[in-house]
Amino acid sequence: MKKTLSALLTIAVSSPVIAAPQIPSDAEIKGRNTYFITPYQATCNVTPVNQVTANTPDEAIQLEQIFDKSLGYSLTLNAKGQAYIQLAIKEWNEKMVFATNPNVKLTIKGADINGQYITNLYCIEQKLALHHVNTHEWGSYLVELHGRPNQLISLRIVKE
């Protein structure tokens, strides 16, 4: 019994776990669009500006962006389908809504993502997937974006 349990624990600890994105139900999408009407509508009105794409985390540090109330970028993912943005957060416990293309994976080191891939029902023609992000401290956060190689994407960020 000990050997079996030990072997199972070794496999569980040494095997990488890949979490699939949690796609919300239609009811959750409708509920969030009703509850978060103000920030969801605000993402529709952010005009993305062209942004130089950082191909590595080190390049992103040189292009740090300061988040205040909203940001909007149009950028092209690199040949590997990646882009990085260093985001400076000025407030403690900042809650934001990120809007991206539906097929773009978004990760932010040191922040929580509470709800993702939520369809924005206020500007369906823009095809925005919404992600709720919470940072616990002020400071710099590395945003990683992954999609298709050389894909033109939109990234918009507003306060929740």
Protein backbone atom coordinates (compact mmCIF):
# COMPACT_ATOMS: atom_id res chain seq x y z
CA MET A 1 0.00 0.00 0.00
CA LYS A 2 2.81 2.41 0.89
CA LYS A 3 4.63 1.73 -2.39
CA THR A 4 1.45 2.28 -4.44
CA LEU A 5 0.61 5.51 -2.64
CA SER A 6 4.20 6.70 -2.97
CA ALA A 7 4.23 5.94 -6.70
CA LEU A 8 0.92 7.77 -7.23
CA LEU A 9 2.14 10.81 -5.31
CA THR A 10 5.37 10.85 -7.33
CA ILE A 11 3.42 10.76 -10.59
CA ALA A 12 0.99 13.44 -9.42
CA VAL A 13 3.76 15.78 -8.26
CA SER A 14 6.06 15.28 -11.25
CA SER A 15 3.41 15.42 -13.99
CA PRO A 16 2.70 18.87 -15.42
CA VAL A 17 -0.89 20.00 -15.09
CA ILE A 18 -2.34 22.04 -17.92
CA ALA A 19 -5.58 23.77 -17.09
CA ALA A 20 -7.98 24.32 -19.95
CA PRO A 21 -9.64 27.73 -20.15
CA GLN A 22 -12.95 27.84 -18.37
CA ILE A 23 -15.49 28.77 -21.05
CA PRO A 24 -18.52 30.35 -19.37
CA SER A 25 -22.08 29.18 -19.94
CA ASP A 26 -24.62 31.34 -21.76
CA ALA A 27 -26.28 32.10 -18.42
CA GLU A 28 -22.98 33.27 -16.91
CA ILE A 29 -22.25 35.44 -19.97
CA LYS A 30 -25.69 37.10 -19.74
CA GLY A 31 -25.40 37.54 -15.98
CA ARG A 32 -21.95 39.12 -16.14
CA ASN A 33 -23.00 41.42 -19.02
CA THR A 34 -25.91 42.61 -16.88
CA TYR A 35 -23.91 43.06 -13.67
CA PHE A 36 -20.79 44.61 -15.26
CA ILE A 37 -22.60 46.81 -17.80
CA THR A 38 -20.41 49.90 -17.21
CA PRO A 39 -16.96 48.35 -17.72
CA TYR A 40 -18.17 46.07 -20.51
CA GLN A 41 -19.58 49.02 -22.44
CA ALA A 42 -16.37 50.96 -21.72
CA THR A 43 -14.26 48.30 -23.48
CA CYS A 44 -16.31 48.92 -26.62
CA ASN A 45 -15.36 52.60 -26.56
CA VAL A 46 -11.60 52.23 -26.05
CA THR A 47 -9.81 53.10 -29.27
CA PRO A 48 -6.76 50.86 -29.71
CA VAL A 49 -3.54 52.59 -30.78
CA ASN A 50 -0.72 50.85 -32.60
CA GLN A 51 1.80 49.43 -30.16
CA VAL A 52 5.27 48.07 -30.81
CA THR A 53 5.23 44.36 -30.02
CA ALA A 54 7.60 43.13 -27.34
CA ASN A 55 8.75 39.66 -28.39
CA THR A 56 10.26 38.76 -25.02
CA PRO A 57 9.65 39.62 -21.37
CA ASP A 58 12.94 41.59 -21.38
CA GLU A 59 11.76 43.75 -24.29
CA ALA A 60 8.45 44.38 -22.49
CA ILE A 61 10.30 45.94 -19.54
CA GLN A 62 11.63 48.62 -21.88
CA LEU A 63 8.09 49.39 -23.11
CA GLU A 64 6.29 49.49 -19.75
CA GLN A 65 2.77 50.95 -19.91
CA ILE A 66 1.13 52.71 -16.96
CA PHE A 67 -2.49 51.76 -16.30
CA ASP A 68 -4.73 54.52 -14.97
CA LYS A 69 -8.34 54.22 -16.21
CA SER A 70 -8.06 52.60 -19.63
CA LEU A 71 -5.56 51.42 -22.23
CA GLY A 72 -6.06 50.15 -25.76
CA TYR A 73 -3.58 48.61 -28.16
CA SER A 74 -3.55 47.12 -31.60
CA LEU A 75 -0.52 44.90 -32.02
CA THR A 76 0.81 42.00 -34.03
CA LEU A 77 1.88 38.79 -32.35
CA ASN A 78 5.36 37.56 -33.29
CA ALA A 79 6.18 34.54 -35.49
CA LYS A 80 5.63 32.28 -32.46
CA GLY A 81 2.20 33.82 -31.80
CA GLN A 82 3.36 35.70 -28.69
CA ALA A 83 3.50 39.25 -27.38
CA TYR A 84 4.39 40.68 -23.99
CA ILE A 85 3.34 43.89 -22.25
CA GLN A 86 4.79 45.17 -19.01
CA LEU A 87 1.93 46.85 -17.16
CA ALA A 88 2.53 49.27 -14.28
CA ILE A 89 -0.33 49.22 -11.75
CA LYS A 90 -0.53 52.24 -9.43
CA GLU A 91 -3.23 51.03 -7.01
CA TRP A 92 -3.55 48.25 -4.46
CA ASN A 93 -6.17 45.61 -5.26
CA GLU A 94 -6.79 46.94 -8.79
CA LYS A 95 -9.69 45.23 -10.55
CA MET A 96 -9.72 45.43 -14.33
CA VAL A 97 -11.49 44.01 -17.35
CA PHE A 98 -9.22 42.99 -20.24
CA ALA A 99 -10.76 42.60 -23.70
CA THR A 100 -8.98 40.59 -26.40
CA ASN A 101 -9.71 38.64 -29.53
CA PRO A 102 -11.65 35.45 -28.62
CA ASN A 103 -8.83 33.08 -29.62
CA VAL A 104 -6.09 34.87 -27.65
CA LYS A 105 -4.85 33.33 -24.42
CA LEU A 106 -4.06 35.89 -21.72
CA THR A 107 -1.89 35.28 -18.66
CA ILE A 108 -0.59 37.73 -16.07
CA LYS A 109 2.06 36.65 -13.61
CA GLY A 110 1.17 37.56 -10.03
CA ALA A 111 -2.47 38.45 -10.76
CA ASP A 112 -5.71 36.53 -10.48
CA ILE A 113 -7.98 35.96 -13.47
CA ASN A 114 -11.54 35.64 -12.20
CA GLY A 115 -13.70 34.92 -15.21
CA GLN A 116 -12.42 34.62 -18.73
CA TYR A 117 -13.59 34.32 -22.34
CA ILE A 118 -16.82 36.17 -21.58
CA THR A 119 -18.49 37.44 -24.74
CA ASN A 120 -19.08 41.19 -24.68
CA LEU A 121 -22.74 41.52 -25.69
CA TYR A 122 -22.55 45.33 -26.01
CA CYS A 123 -20.38 45.38 -29.13
CA ILE A 124 -20.71 41.94 -30.68
CA GLU A 125 -19.35 43.17 -34.03
CA GLN A 126 -15.98 43.85 -32.33
CA LYS A 127 -15.81 40.21 -31.16
CA LEU A 128 -14.25 40.89 -27.76
CA ALA A 129 -13.58 38.21 -25.16
CA LEU A 130 -13.50 39.65 -21.65
CA HIS A 131 -11.26 38.59 -18.77
CA HIS A 132 -11.56 39.85 -15.17
CA VAL A 133 -8.14 40.51 -13.62
CA ASN A 134 -7.32 41.41 -10.03
CA THR A 135 -3.88 42.56 -8.89
CA HIS A 136 -3.27 42.59 -5.16
CA GLU A 137 -0.41 45.09 -5.00
CA TRP A 138 0.81 48.06 -6.97
CA GLY A 139 3.80 47.32 -9.18
CA SER A 140 4.72 45.86 -12.54
CA TYR A 141 2.94 42.88 -14.06
CA LEU A 142 3.94 40.95 -17.17
CA VAL A 143 1.01 40.34 -19.53
CA GLU A 144 1.55 37.43 -21.91
CA LEU A 145 -0.60 37.11 -25.01
CA HIS A 146 -0.67 33.95 -27.12
CA GLY A 147 -2.50 33.38 -30.39
CA ARG A 148 -1.71 32.59 -34.02
CA PRO A 149 1.67 33.55 -35.49
CA ASN A 150 1.69 37.13 -36.83
CA GLN A 151 -1.94 37.64 -35.76
CA LEU A 152 -3.17 41.23 -35.51
CA ILE A 153 -4.94 41.55 -32.15
CA SER A 154 -6.68 44.14 -30.01
CA LEU A 155 -6.07 44.51 -26.29
CA ARG A 156 -8.21 46.86 -24.22
CA ILE A 157 -8.10 47.35 -20.48
CA VAL A 158 -10.59 49.25 -18.29
CA LYS A 159 -11.24 49.50 -14.56
CA GLU A 160 -13.83 47.05 -13.32
